């Protein structure tokens, strides 16, 4: 576990600092932990590109593709399908918090199966 500290800062421009809402709590994580996490994330991004782990239509957290690229991709699929007089269905999921509930042993197993080295 990493050490962290909670700091409470005054929000600028507030007339009365006796009111609780005029303060903003922030977490200060250990800088070494932040640095290590950043290095690991960068290594995983590089490995996913080198081993071609992610599908070509995966745009998040990879070098190069932008939000505009993903919008153009979806627009092209929709228009191409409409031109064929077919129906398009889409499901967009916000899975931001899903990682917190991941089974770590399964994640490691899946990474090994996709060629991510130890």
PDB file of N, CA and C in Angstrom:
ATOM      1  N   UNK A   1       0.827  -1.171   0.000  1.00  0.00           N
ATOM      2  CA  UNK A   1       0.000   0.000   0.000  1.00  0.00           C
ATOM      3  C   UNK A   1       0.877   1.242   0.000  1.00  0.00           C
ATOM      4  N   UNK A   2       0.411   2.277  -0.604  1.00  0.00           N
ATOM      5  CA  UNK A   2       1.170   3.510  -0.633  1.00  0.00           C
ATOM      6  C   UNK A   2       0.637   4.472   0.410  1.00  0.00           C
ATOM      7  N   UNK A   3       1.520   5.347   0.864  1.00  0.00           N
ATOM      8  CA  UNK A   3       1.103   6.347   1.838  1.00  0.00           C
ATOM      9  C   UNK A   3       0.529   7.541   1.103  1.00  0.00           C
ATOM     10  N   UNK A   4      -0.471   8.149   1.702  1.00  0.00           N
ATOM     11  CA  UNK A   4      -1.035   9.352   1.134  1.00  0.00           C
ATOM     12  C   UNK A   4      -1.458  10.266   2.260  1.00  0.00           C
ATOM     13  N   UNK A   5      -1.643  11.510   1.930  1.00  0.00           N
ATOM     14  CA  UNK A   5      -2.085  12.495   2.906  1.00  0.00           C
ATOM     15  C   UNK A   5      -3.235  13.285   2.301  1.00  0.00           C
ATOM     16  N   UNK A   6      -4.164  13.681   3.137  1.00  0.00           N
ATOM     17  CA  UNK A   6      -5.259  14.510   2.673  1.00  0.00           C
ATOM     18  C   UNK A   6      -4.988  15.938   3.109  1.00  0.00           C
ATOM     19  N   UNK A   7      -5.095  16.844   2.175  1.00  0.00           N
ATOM     20  CA  UNK A   7      -4.896  18.260   2.435  1.00  0.00           C
ATOM     21  C   UNK A   7      -6.187  18.966   2.080  1.00  0.00           C
ATOM     22  N   UNK A   8      -6.536  19.970   2.852  1.00  0.00           N
ATOM     23  CA  UNK A   8      -7.731  20.746   2.564  1.00  0.00           C
ATOM     24  C   UNK A   8      -7.288  22.151   2.186  1.00  0.00           C
ATOM     25  N   UNK A   9      -7.645  22.574   0.980  1.00  0.00           N
ATOM     26  CA  UNK A   9      -7.263  23.888   0.476  1.00  0.00           C
ATOM     27  C   UNK A   9      -8.465  24.819   0.442  1.00  0.00           C
ATOM     28  N   UNK A  10      -8.211  26.103   0.660  1.00  0.00           N
ATOM     29  CA  UNK A  10      -9.274  27.088   0.515  1.00  0.00           C
ATOM     30  C   UNK A  10      -9.533  27.334  -0.968  1.00  0.00           C
ATOM     31  N   UNK A  11     -10.810  27.362  -1.347  1.00  0.00           N
ATOM     32  CA  UNK A  11     -11.160  27.720  -2.719  1.00  0.00           C
ATOM     33  C   UNK A  11     -10.991  29.227  -2.861  1.00  0.00           C
ATOM     34  N   UNK A  12     -10.308  29.678  -3.913  1.00  0.00           N
ATOM     35  CA  UNK A  12     -10.054  31.120  -4.044  1.00  0.00           C
ATOM     36  C   UNK A  12     -11.333  31.913  -4.307  1.00  0.00           C
ATOM     37  N   UNK A  13     -11.338  33.130  -3.797  1.00  0.00           N
ATOM     38  CA  UNK A  13     -12.424  34.069  -4.079  1.00  0.00           C
ATOM     39  C   UNK A  13     -13.692  33.850  -3.288  1.00  0.00           C
ATOM     40  N   UNK A  14     -13.667  33.029  -2.247  1.00  0.00           N
ATOM     41  CA  UNK A  14     -14.863  32.795  -1.431  1.00  0.00           C
ATOM     42  C   UNK A  14     -14.919  33.845  -0.323  1.00  0.00           C
ATOM     43  N   UNK A  15     -16.102  34.436  -0.068  1.00  0.00           N
ATOM     44  CA  UNK A  15     -16.195  35.522   0.908  1.00  0.00           C
ATOM     45  C   UNK A  15     -16.134  35.058   2.367  1.00  0.00           C
ATOM     46  N   UNK A  16     -16.550  33.812   2.650  1.00  0.00           N
ATOM     47  CA  UNK A  16     -16.644  33.372   4.043  1.00  0.00           C
ATOM     48  C   UNK A  16     -16.029  31.984   4.185  1.00  0.00           C
ATOM     49  N   UNK A  17     -14.856  31.927   4.817  1.00  0.00           N
ATOM     50  CA  UNK A  17     -14.163  30.649   4.966  1.00  0.00           C
ATOM     51  C   UNK A  17     -14.607  29.877   6.210  1.00  0.00           C
ATOM     52  N   UNK A  18     -15.680  30.321   6.854  1.00  0.00           N
ATOM     53  CA  UNK A  18     -16.253  29.540   7.947  1.00  0.00           C
ATOM     54  C   UNK A  18     -17.250  28.511   7.409  1.00  0.00           C
ATOM     55  N   UNK A  19     -17.584  28.609   6.121  1.00  0.00           N
ATOM     56  CA  UNK A  19     -18.507  27.679   5.469  1.00  0.00           C
ATOM     57  C   UNK A  19     -17.702  26.516   4.900  1.00  0.00           C
ATOM     58  N   UNK A  20     -18.135  25.298   5.201  1.00  0.00           N
ATOM     59  CA  UNK A  20     -17.406  24.101   4.779  1.00  0.00           C
ATOM     60  C   UNK A  20     -17.222  24.025   3.258  1.00  0.00           C
ATOM     61  N   UNK A  21     -18.189  24.477   2.481  1.00  0.00           N
ATOM     62  CA  UNK A  21     -18.128  24.376   1.017  1.00  0.00           C
ATOM     63  C   UNK A  21     -17.056  25.261   0.399  1.00  0.00           C
ATOM     64  N   UNK A  22     -16.416  26.095   1.192  1.00  0.00           N
ATOM     65  CA  UNK A  22     -15.362  26.955   0.657  1.00  0.00           C
ATOM     66  C   UNK A  22     -13.994  26.267   0.661  1.00  0.00           C
ATOM     67  N   UNK A  23     -13.966  25.011   1.085  1.00  0.00           N
ATOM     68  CA  UNK A  23     -12.722  24.256   1.122  1.00  0.00           C
ATOM     69  C   UNK A  23     -12.774  23.090   0.139  1.00  0.00           C
ATOM     70  N   UNK A  24     -11.632  22.709  -0.405  1.00  0.00           N
ATOM     71  CA  UNK A  24     -11.523  21.621  -1.371  1.00  0.00           C
ATOM     72  C   UNK A  24     -10.533  20.588  -0.851  1.00  0.00           C
ATOM     73  N   UNK A  25     -11.008  19.383  -0.481  1.00  0.00           N
ATOM     74  CA  UNK A  25     -10.060  18.346  -0.051  1.00  0.00           C
ATOM     75  C   UNK A  25      -9.347  17.745  -1.259  1.00  0.00           C
ATOM     76  N   UNK A  26      -8.074  17.486  -1.131  1.00  0.00           N
ATOM     77  CA  UNK A  26      -7.304  16.829  -2.199  1.00  0.00           C
ATOM     78  C   UNK A  26      -6.440  15.748  -1.563  1.00  0.00           C
ATOM     79  N   UNK A  27      -6.114  14.739  -2.353  1.00  0.00           N
ATOM     80  CA  UNK A  27      -5.252  13.659  -1.886  1.00  0.00           C
ATOM     81  C   UNK A  27      -3.860  13.846  -2.479  1.00  0.00           C
ATOM     82  N   UNK A  28      -2.871  13.747  -1.654  1.00  0.00           N
ATOM     83  CA  UNK A  28      -1.487  13.831  -2.113  1.00  0.00           C
ATOM     84  C   UNK A  28      -0.876  12.431  -2.008  1.00  0.00           C
ATOM     85  N   UNK A  29      -0.785  11.756  -3.146  1.00  0.00           N
ATOM     86  CA  UNK A  29      -0.201  10.415  -3.151  1.00  0.00           C
ATOM     87  C   UNK A  29       1.317  10.518  -3.148  1.00  0.00           C
ATOM     88  N   UNK A  30       1.921   9.487  -2.690  1.00  0.00           N
ATOM     89  CA  UNK A  30       3.364   9.411  -2.691  1.00  0.00           C
ATOM     90  C   UNK A  30       3.880   9.597  -4.122  1.00  0.00           C
ATOM     91  N   UNK A  31       4.813  10.489  -4.332  1.00  0.00           N
ATOM     92  CA  UNK A  31       5.335  10.808  -5.658  1.00  0.00           C
ATOM     93  C   UNK A  31       5.987   9.597  -6.314  1.00  0.00           C
ATOM     94  N   UNK A  32       6.670   8.776  -5.546  1.00  0.00           N
ATOM     95  CA  UNK A  32       7.309   7.579  -6.101  1.00  0.00           C
ATOM     96  C   UNK A  32       6.246   6.649  -6.679  1.00  0.00           C
ATOM     97  N   UNK A  33       5.113   6.506  -5.982  1.00  0.00           N
ATOM     98  CA  UNK A  33       4.032   5.664  -6.465  1.00  0.00           C
ATOM     99  C   UNK A  33       3.489   6.179  -7.791  1.00  0.00           C
ATOM    100  N   UNK A  34       3.307   7.485  -7.878  1.00  0.00           N
ATOM    101  CA  UNK A  34       2.820   8.089  -9.125  1.00  0.00           C
ATOM    102  C   UNK A  34       3.808   7.833 -10.263  1.00  0.00           C
ATOM    103  N   UNK A  35       5.077   8.006  -9.991  1.00  0.00           N
ATOM    104  CA  UNK A  35       6.110   7.807 -11.003  1.00  0.00           C
ATOM    105  C   UNK A  35       6.155   6.351 -11.462  1.00  0.00           C
ATOM    106  N   UNK A  36       6.120   5.421 -10.522  1.00  0.00           N
ATOM    107  CA  UNK A  36       6.144   4.000 -10.861  1.00  0.00           C
ATOM    108  C   UNK A  36       4.907   3.616 -11.676  1.00  0.00           C
ATOM    109  N   UNK A  37       3.733   4.083 -11.263  1.00  0.00           N
ATOM    110  CA  UNK A  37       2.498   3.789 -12.000  1.00  0.00           C
ATOM    111  C   UNK A  37       2.575   4.326 -13.424  1.00  0.00           C
ATOM    112  N   UNK A  38       3.113   5.504 -13.581  1.00  0.00           N
ATOM    113  CA  UNK A  38       3.251   6.105 -14.903  1.00  0.00           C
ATOM    114  C   UNK A  38       4.193   5.278 -15.787  1.00  0.00           C
ATOM    115  N   UNK A  39       5.291   4.815 -15.213  1.00  0.00           N
ATOM    116  CA  UNK A  39       6.252   3.992 -15.974  1.00  0.00           C
ATOM    117  C   UNK A  39       5.627   2.667 -16.400  1.00  0.00           C
ATOM    118  N   UNK A  40       4.904   2.028 -15.493  1.00  0.00           N
ATOM    119  CA  UNK A  40       4.260   0.755 -15.815  1.00  0.00           C
ATOM    120  C   UNK A  40       3.206   0.954 -16.899  1.00  0.00           C
ATOM    121  N   UNK A  41       2.421   2.012 -16.772  1.00  0.00           N
ATOM    122  CA  UNK A  41       1.393   2.294 -17.785  1.00  0.00           C
ATOM    123  C   UNK A  41       2.036   2.508 -19.151  1.00  0.00           C
ATOM    124  N   UNK A  42       3.138   3.241 -19.196  1.00  0.00           N
ATOM    125  CA  UNK A  42       3.836   3.487 -20.463  1.00  0.00           C
ATOM    126  C   UNK A  42       4.366   2.185 -21.052  1.00  0.00           C
ATOM    127  N   UNK A  43       4.922   1.314 -20.201  1.00  0.00           N
ATOM    128  CA  UNK A  43       5.410   0.013 -20.673  1.00  0.00           C
ATOM    129  C   UNK A  43       4.273  -0.821 -21.254  1.00  0.00           C
ATOM    130  N   UNK A  44       3.121  -0.835 -20.579  1.00  0.00           N
ATOM    131  CA  UNK A  44       1.980  -1.606 -21.068  1.00  0.00           C
ATOM    132  C   UNK A  44       1.469  -1.077 -22.400  1.00  0.00           C
ATOM    133  N   UNK A  45       1.454   0.244 -22.560  1.00  0.00           N
ATOM    134  CA  UNK A  45       1.031   0.831 -23.838  1.00  0.00           C
ATOM    135  C   UNK A  45       1.989   0.399 -24.947  1.00  0.00           C
ATOM    136  N   UNK A  46       3.293   0.486 -24.679  1.00  0.00           N
ATOM    137  CA  UNK A  46       4.284   0.091 -25.689  1.00  0.00           C
ATOM    138  C   UNK A  46       4.175  -1.395 -26.027  1.00  0.00           C
ATOM    139  N   UNK A  47       3.974  -2.236 -25.014  1.00  0.00           N
ATOM    140  CA  UNK A  47       3.845  -3.675 -25.265  1.00  0.00           C
ATOM    141  C   UNK A  47       2.573  -3.986 -26.052  1.00  0.00           C
ATOM    142  N   UNK A  48       1.493  -3.301 -25.727  1.00  0.00           N
ATOM    143  CA  UNK A  48       0.239  -3.573 -26.442  1.00  0.00           C
ATOM    144  C   UNK A  48       0.375  -3.209 -27.916  1.00  0.00           C
ATOM    145  N   UNK A  49       1.143  -2.187 -28.216  1.00  0.00           N
ATOM    146  CA  UNK A  49       1.382  -1.821 -29.615  1.00  0.00           C
ATOM    147  C   UNK A  49       2.355  -2.806 -30.269  1.00  0.00           C
ATOM    148  N   UNK A  50       3.430  -3.155 -29.561  1.00  0.00           N
ATOM    149  CA  UNK A  50       4.447  -4.054 -30.130  1.00  0.00           C
ATOM    150  C   UNK A  50       3.890  -5.446 -30.407  1.00  0.00           C
ATOM    151  N   UNK A  51       3.036  -5.946 -29.513  1.00  0.00           N
ATOM    152  CA  UNK A  51       2.485  -7.291 -29.664  1.00  0.00           C
ATOM    153  C   UNK A  51       1.122  -7.289 -30.342  1.00  0.00           C
ATOM    154  N   UNK A  52       0.677  -6.131 -30.795  1.00  0.00           N
ATOM    155  CA  UNK A  52      -0.596  -5.984 -31.514  1.00  0.00           C
ATOM    156  C   UNK A  52      -1.748  -6.618 -30.724  1.00  0.00           C
ATOM    157  N   UNK A  53      -1.835  -6.241 -29.451  1.00  0.00           N
ATOM    158  CA  UNK A  53      -2.833  -6.823 -28.546  1.00  0.00           C
ATOM    159  C   UNK A  53      -4.211  -6.197 -28.732  1.00  0.00           C
ATOM    160  N   UNK A  54      -4.253  -4.905 -28.927  1.00  0.00           N
ATOM    161  CA  UNK A  54      -5.538  -4.210 -29.030  1.00  0.00           C
ATOM    162  C   UNK A  54      -6.069  -4.243 -30.454  1.00  0.00           C
ATOM    163  N   UNK A  55      -7.389  -4.323 -30.610  1.00  0.00           N
ATOM    164  CA  UNK A  55      -7.959  -4.270 -31.960  1.00  0.00           C
ATOM    165  C   UNK A  55      -7.741  -2.890 -32.576  1.00  0.00           C
ATOM    166  N   UNK A  56      -7.755  -2.821 -33.886  1.00  0.00           N
ATOM    167  CA  UNK A  56      -7.496  -1.543 -34.569  1.00  0.00           C
ATOM    168  C   UNK A  56      -8.547  -0.488 -34.265  1.00  0.00           C
ATOM    169  N   UNK A  57      -9.742  -0.912 -33.858  1.00  0.00           N
ATOM    170  CA  UNK A  57     -10.784   0.063 -33.558  1.00  0.00           C
ATOM    171  C   UNK A  57     -10.820   0.441 -32.075  1.00  0.00           C
ATOM    172  N   UNK A  58      -9.754   0.138 -31.344  1.00  0.00           N
ATOM    173  CA  UNK A  58      -9.624   0.559 -29.949  1.00  0.00           C
ATOM    174  C   UNK A  58      -8.826   1.863 -29.942  1.00  0.00           C
ATOM    175  N   UNK A  59      -9.456   2.944 -29.521  1.00  0.00           N
ATOM    176  CA  UNK A  59      -8.826   4.256 -29.627  1.00  0.00           C
ATOM    177  C   UNK A  59      -8.318   4.807 -28.304  1.00  0.00           C
ATOM    178  N   UNK A  60      -8.787   4.299 -27.195  1.00  0.00           N
ATOM    179  CA  UNK A  60      -8.461   4.875 -25.898  1.00  0.00           C
ATOM    180  C   UNK A  60      -7.078   4.440 -25.424  1.00  0.00           C
ATOM    181  N   UNK A  61      -6.343   5.354 -24.828  1.00  0.00           N
ATOM    182  CA  UNK A  61      -5.053   5.077 -24.168  1.00  0.00           C
ATOM    183  C   UNK A  61      -4.018   4.448 -25.098  1.00  0.00           C
ATOM    184  N   UNK A  62      -3.966   4.920 -26.302  1.00  0.00           N
ATOM    185  CA  UNK A  62      -2.907   4.459 -27.187  1.00  0.00           C
ATOM    186  C   UNK A  62      -2.380   5.645 -27.976  1.00  0.00           C
ATOM    187  N   UNK A  63      -1.119   5.586 -28.353  1.00  0.00           N
ATOM    188  CA  UNK A  63      -0.524   6.719 -29.058  1.00  0.00           C
ATOM    189  C   UNK A  63      -1.092   6.877 -30.460  1.00  0.00           C
ATOM    190  N   UNK A  64      -1.349   8.101 -30.842  1.00  0.00           N
ATOM    191  CA  UNK A  64      -1.810   8.370 -32.207  1.00  0.00           C
ATOM    192  C   UNK A  64      -3.272   8.712 -32.324  1.00  0.00           C
ATOM    193  N   UNK A  65      -4.174   7.721 -32.198  1.00  0.00           N
ATOM    194  CA  UNK A  65      -5.595   8.005 -32.415  1.00  0.00           C
ATOM    195  C   UNK A  65      -6.147   9.039 -31.432  1.00  0.00           C
ATOM    196  N   UNK A  66      -7.061   9.848 -31.934  1.00  0.00           N
ATOM    197  CA  UNK A  66      -7.669  10.898 -31.129  1.00  0.00           C
ATOM    198  C   UNK A  66      -9.170  10.642 -30.990  1.00  0.00           C
ATOM    199  N   UNK A  67      -9.824  11.465 -30.202  1.00  0.00           N
ATOM    200  CA  UNK A  67     -11.277  11.387 -30.074  1.00  0.00           C
ATOM    201  C   UNK A  67     -11.929  11.616 -31.425  1.00  0.00           C
ATOM    202  N   UNK A  68     -11.401  12.555 -32.186  1.00  0.00           N
ATOM    203  CA  UNK A  68     -11.939  12.817 -33.527  1.00  0.00           C
ATOM    204  C   UNK A  68     -11.836  11.578 -34.411  1.00  0.00           C
ATOM    205  N   UNK A  69     -10.723  10.860 -34.320  1.00  0.00           N
ATOM    206  CA  UNK A  69     -10.558   9.631 -35.101  1.00  0.00           C
ATOM    207  C   UNK A  69     -11.645   8.618 -34.760  1.00  0.00           C
ATOM    208  N   UNK A  70     -11.942   8.467 -33.469  1.00  0.00           N
ATOM    209  CA  UNK A  70     -12.971   7.497 -33.080  1.00  0.00           C
ATOM    210  C   UNK A  70     -14.347   7.940 -33.570  1.00  0.00           C
ATOM    211  N   UNK A  71     -14.624   9.232 -33.537  1.00  0.00           N
ATOM    212  CA  UNK A  71     -15.906   9.733 -34.051  1.00  0.00           C
ATOM    213  C   UNK A  71     -16.018   9.521 -35.557  1.00  0.00           C
ATOM    214  N   UNK A  72     -14.934   9.766 -36.282  1.00  0.00           N
ATOM    215  CA  UNK A  72     -14.929   9.519 -37.734  1.00  0.00           C
ATOM    216  C   UNK A  72     -15.148   8.039 -38.036  1.00  0.00           C
ATOM    217  N   UNK A  73     -14.533   7.174 -37.239  1.00  0.00           N
ATOM    218  CA  UNK A  73     -14.665   5.728 -37.418  1.00  0.00           C
ATOM    219  C   UNK A  73     -16.123   5.299 -37.254  1.00  0.00           C
ATOM    220  N   UNK A  74     -16.758   5.743 -36.164  1.00  0.00           N
ATOM    221  CA  UNK A  74     -18.153   5.381 -35.917  1.00  0.00           C
ATOM    222  C   UNK A  74     -19.053   5.959 -37.001  1.00  0.00           C
ATOM    223  N   UNK A  75     -18.819   7.200 -37.384  1.00  0.00           N
ATOM    224  CA  UNK A  75     -19.621   7.840 -38.435  1.00  0.00           C
ATOM    225  C   UNK A  75     -19.513   7.072 -39.749  1.00  0.00           C
ATOM    226  N   UNK A  76     -18.301   6.644 -40.098  1.00  0.00           N
ATOM    227  CA  UNK A  76     -18.103   5.893 -41.343  1.00  0.00           C
ATOM    228  C   UNK A  76     -18.866   4.571 -41.310  1.00  0.00           C
ATOM    229  N   UNK A  77     -18.791   3.851 -40.195  1.00  0.00           N
ATOM    230  CA  UNK A  77     -19.509   2.576 -40.082  1.00  0.00           C
ATOM    231  C   UNK A  77     -21.013   2.796 -40.232  1.00  0.00           C
ATOM    232  N   UNK A  78     -21.539   3.806 -39.558  1.00  0.00           N
ATOM    233  CA  UNK A  78     -22.976   4.095 -39.621  1.00  0.00           C
ATOM    234  C   UNK A  78     -23.389   4.452 -41.044  1.00  0.00           C
ATOM    235  N   UNK A  79     -22.655   5.356 -41.688  1.00  0.00           N
ATOM    236  CA  UNK A  79     -23.018   5.777 -43.044  1.00  0.00           C
ATOM    237  C   UNK A  79     -22.891   4.633 -44.048  1.00  0.00           C
ATOM    238  N   UNK A  80     -21.830   3.826 -43.923  1.00  0.00           N
ATOM    239  CA  UNK A  80     -21.672   2.682 -44.829  1.00  0.00           C
ATOM    240  C   UNK A  80     -22.830   1.695 -44.678  1.00  0.00           C
ATOM    241  N   UNK A  81     -23.249   1.489 -43.440  1.00  0.00           N
ATOM    242  CA  UNK A  81     -24.363   0.571 -43.189  1.00  0.00           C
ATOM    243  C   UNK A  81     -25.670   1.147 -43.725  1.00  0.00           C
ATOM    244  N   UNK A  82     -25.897   2.428 -43.527  1.00  0.00           N
ATOM    245  CA  UNK A  82     -27.111   3.080 -44.041  1.00  0.00           C
ATOM    246  C   UNK A  82     -27.167   3.022 -45.570  1.00  0.00           C
ATOM    247  N   UNK A  83     -26.004   3.184 -46.201  1.00  0.00           N
ATOM    248  CA  UNK A  83     -25.965   3.134 -47.671  1.00  0.00           C
ATOM    249  C   UNK A  83     -26.423   1.762 -48.192  1.00  0.00           C
ATOM    250  N   UNK A  84     -26.217   0.735 -47.388  1.00  0.00           N
ATOM    251  CA  UNK A  84     -26.667  -0.610 -47.750  1.00  0.00           C
ATOM    252  C   UNK A  84     -28.126  -0.823 -47.347  1.00  0.00           C
ATOM    253  N   UNK A  85     -28.755   0.235 -46.840  1.00  0.00           N
ATOM    254  CA  UNK A  85     -30.152   0.191 -46.373  1.00  0.00           C
ATOM    255  C   UNK A  85     -30.329  -0.812 -45.227  1.00  0.00           C
ATOM    256  N   UNK A  86     -29.323  -0.878 -44.380  1.00  0.00           N
ATOM    257  CA  UNK A  86     -29.382  -1.745 -43.203  1.00  0.00           C
ATOM    258  C   UNK A  86     -29.523  -0.887 -41.941  1.00  0.00           C
ATOM    259  N   UNK A  87     -29.856  -1.532 -40.855  1.00  0.00           N
ATOM    260  CA  UNK A  87     -30.044  -0.847 -39.578  1.00  0.00           C
ATOM    261  C   UNK A  87     -28.749  -0.915 -38.773  1.00  0.00           C
ATOM    262  N   UNK A  88     -28.461   0.137 -38.050  1.00  0.00           N
ATOM    263  CA  UNK A  88     -27.269   0.194 -37.211  1.00  0.00           C
ATOM    264  C   UNK A  88     -27.707   0.222 -35.750  1.00  0.00           C
ATOM    265  N   UNK A  89     -27.082  -0.611 -34.960  1.00  0.00           N
ATOM    266  CA  UNK A  89     -27.282  -0.574 -33.508  1.00  0.00           C
ATOM    267  C   UNK A  89     -25.927  -0.365 -32.859  1.00  0.00           C
ATOM    268  N   UNK A  90     -25.909   0.406 -31.792  1.00  0.00           N
ATOM    269  CA  UNK A  90     -24.652   0.667 -31.096  1.00  0.00           C
ATOM    270  C   UNK A  90     -24.884   0.606 -29.593  1.00  0.00           C
ATOM    271  N   UNK A  91     -23.873   0.159 -28.898  1.00  0.00           N
ATOM    272  CA  UNK A  91     -23.896   0.127 -27.454  1.00  0.00           C
ATOM    273  C   UNK A  91     -22.616   0.798 -26.977  1.00  0.00           C
ATOM    274  N   UNK A  92     -22.758   1.864 -26.216  1.00  0.00           N
ATOM    275  CA  UNK A  92     -21.610   2.598 -25.689  1.00  0.00           C
ATOM    276  C   UNK A  92     -21.594   2.405 -24.179  1.00  0.00           C
ATOM    277  N   UNK A  93     -20.498   1.925 -23.658  1.00  0.00           N
ATOM    278  CA  UNK A  93     -20.386   1.642 -22.231  1.00  0.00           C
ATOM    279  C   UNK A  93     -19.339   2.537 -21.591  1.00  0.00           C
ATOM    280  N   UNK A  94     -19.638   2.989 -20.400  1.00  0.00           N
ATOM    281  CA  UNK A  94     -18.661   3.721 -19.600  1.00  0.00           C
ATOM    282  C   UNK A  94     -18.118   2.735 -18.575  1.00  0.00           C
ATOM    283  N   UNK A  95     -16.948   2.195 -18.841  1.00  0.00           N
ATOM    284  CA  UNK A  95     -16.409   1.151 -17.980  1.00  0.00           C
ATOM    285  C   UNK A  95     -15.249   1.663 -17.132  1.00  0.00           C
ATOM    286  N   UNK A  96     -15.246   2.952 -16.871  1.00  0.00           N
ATOM    287  CA  UNK A  96     -14.169   3.588 -16.120  1.00  0.00           C
ATOM    288  C   UNK A  96     -13.920   2.919 -14.768  1.00  0.00           C
ATOM    289  N   UNK A  97     -14.969   2.599 -14.043  1.00  0.00           N
ATOM    290  CA  UNK A  97     -14.823   2.027 -12.700  1.00  0.00           C
ATOM    291  C   UNK A  97     -14.696   0.507 -12.709  1.00  0.00           C
ATOM    292  N   UNK A  98     -14.801  -0.108 -13.853  1.00  0.00           N
ATOM    293  CA  UNK A  98     -14.757  -1.559 -13.929  1.00  0.00           C
ATOM    294  C   UNK A  98     -13.421  -2.107 -13.480  1.00  0.00           C
ATOM    295  N   UNK A  99     -12.341  -1.400 -13.779  1.00  0.00           N
ATOM    296  CA  UNK A  99     -11.009  -1.904 -13.451  1.00  0.00           C
ATOM    297  C   UNK A  99     -10.845  -2.144 -11.955  1.00  0.00           C
ATOM    298  N   UNK A 100     -11.552  -1.370 -11.136  1.00  0.00           N
ATOM    299  CA  UNK A 100     -11.435  -1.530  -9.693  1.00  0.00           C
ATOM    300  C   UNK A 100     -11.963  -2.883  -9.229  1.00  0.00           C
ATOM    301  N   UNK A 101     -12.856  -3.497 -10.007  1.00  0.00           N
ATOM    302  CA  UNK A 101     -13.435  -4.778  -9.601  1.00  0.00           C
ATOM    303  C   UNK A 101     -12.864  -5.955 -10.397  1.00  0.00           C
ATOM    304  N   UNK A 102     -11.784  -5.735 -11.133  1.00  0.00           N
ATOM    305  CA  UNK A 102     -11.204  -6.794 -11.946  1.00  0.00           C
ATOM    306  C   UNK A 102     -10.559  -7.856 -11.053  1.00  0.00           C
ATOM    307  N   UNK A 103     -10.617  -9.100 -11.497  1.00  0.00           N
ATOM    308  CA  UNK A 103      -9.949 -10.190 -10.788  1.00  0.00           C
ATOM    309  C   UNK A 103      -8.499 -10.201 -11.271  1.00  0.00           C
ATOM    310  N   UNK A 104      -7.605  -9.794 -10.399  1.00  0.00           N
ATOM    311  CA  UNK A 104      -6.214  -9.567 -10.780  1.00  0.00           C
ATOM    312  C   UNK A 104      -5.553 -10.809 -11.386  1.00  0.00           C
ATOM    313  N   UNK A 105      -5.788 -11.979 -10.811  1.00  0.00           N
ATOM    314  CA  UNK A 105      -5.169 -13.193 -11.349  1.00  0.00           C
ATOM    315  C   UNK A 105      -5.650 -13.470 -12.771  1.00  0.00           C
ATOM    316  N   UNK A 106      -6.926 -13.213 -13.038  1.00  0.00           N
ATOM    317  CA  UNK A 106      -7.470 -13.415 -14.389  1.00  0.00           C
ATOM    318  C   UNK A 106      -6.881 -12.397 -15.365  1.00  0.00           C
ATOM    319  N   UNK A 107      -6.731 -11.154 -14.915  1.00  0.00           N
ATOM    320  CA  UNK A 107      -6.133 -10.120 -15.756  1.00  0.00           C
ATOM    321  C   UNK A 107      -4.702 -10.496 -16.136  1.00  0.00           C
ATOM    322  N   UNK A 108      -3.930 -10.946 -15.163  1.00  0.00           N
ATOM    323  CA  UNK A 108      -2.547 -11.350 -15.436  1.00  0.00           C
ATOM    324  C   UNK A 108      -2.524 -12.531 -16.393  1.00  0.00           C
ATOM    325  N   UNK A 109      -3.395 -13.498 -16.187  1.00  0.00           N
ATOM    326  CA  UNK A 109      -3.488 -14.660 -17.083  1.00  0.00           C
ATOM    327  C   UNK A 109      -3.800 -14.209 -18.520  1.00  0.00           C
ATOM    328  N   UNK A 110      -4.787 -13.325 -18.659  1.00  0.00           N
ATOM    329  CA  UNK A 110      -5.164 -12.833 -19.990  1.00  0.00           C
ATOM    330  C   UNK A 110      -4.002 -12.071 -20.644  1.00  0.00           C
ATOM    331  N   UNK A 111      -3.282 -11.291 -19.857  1.00  0.00           N
ATOM    332  CA  UNK A 111      -2.130 -10.547 -20.408  1.00  0.00           C
ATOM    333  C   UNK A 111      -1.051 -11.513 -20.895  1.00  0.00           C
ATOM    334  N   UNK A 112      -0.777 -12.568 -20.126  1.00  0.00           N
ATOM    335  CA  UNK A 112       0.218 -13.559 -20.530  1.00  0.00           C
ATOM    336  C   UNK A 112      -0.212 -14.265 -21.814  1.00  0.00           C
ATOM    337  N   UNK A 113      -1.518 -14.589 -21.913  1.00  0.00           N
ATOM    338  CA  UNK A 113      -2.025 -15.258 -23.111  1.00  0.00           C
ATOM    339  C   UNK A 113      -1.901 -14.373 -24.351  1.00  0.00           C
ATOM    340  N   UNK A 114      -1.877 -13.078 -24.167  1.00  0.00           N
ATOM    341  CA  UNK A 114      -1.769 -12.144 -25.295  1.00  0.00           C
ATOM    342  C   UNK A 114      -0.314 -11.720 -25.575  1.00  0.00           C
ATOM    343  N   UNK A 115       0.622 -12.326 -24.841  1.00  0.00           N
ATOM    344  CA  UNK A 115       2.023 -12.101 -25.154  1.00  0.00           C
ATOM    345  C   UNK A 115       2.726 -11.055 -24.328  1.00  0.00           C
ATOM    346  N   UNK A 116       2.059 -10.499 -23.303  1.00  0.00           N
ATOM    347  CA  UNK A 116       2.736  -9.529 -22.453  1.00  0.00           C
ATOM    348  C   UNK A 116       3.728 -10.294 -21.574  1.00  0.00           C
ATOM    349  N   UNK A 117       5.010  -9.958 -21.668  1.00  0.00           N
ATOM    350  CA  UNK A 117       6.018 -10.711 -20.917  1.00  0.00           C
ATOM    351  C   UNK A 117       5.970 -10.399 -19.420  1.00  0.00           C
ATOM    352  N   UNK A 118       6.530 -11.309 -18.640  1.00  0.00           N
ATOM    353  CA  UNK A 118       6.580 -11.146 -17.185  1.00  0.00           C
ATOM    354  C   UNK A 118       7.414  -9.934 -16.835  1.00  0.00           C
TER     355      UNK A 118
END
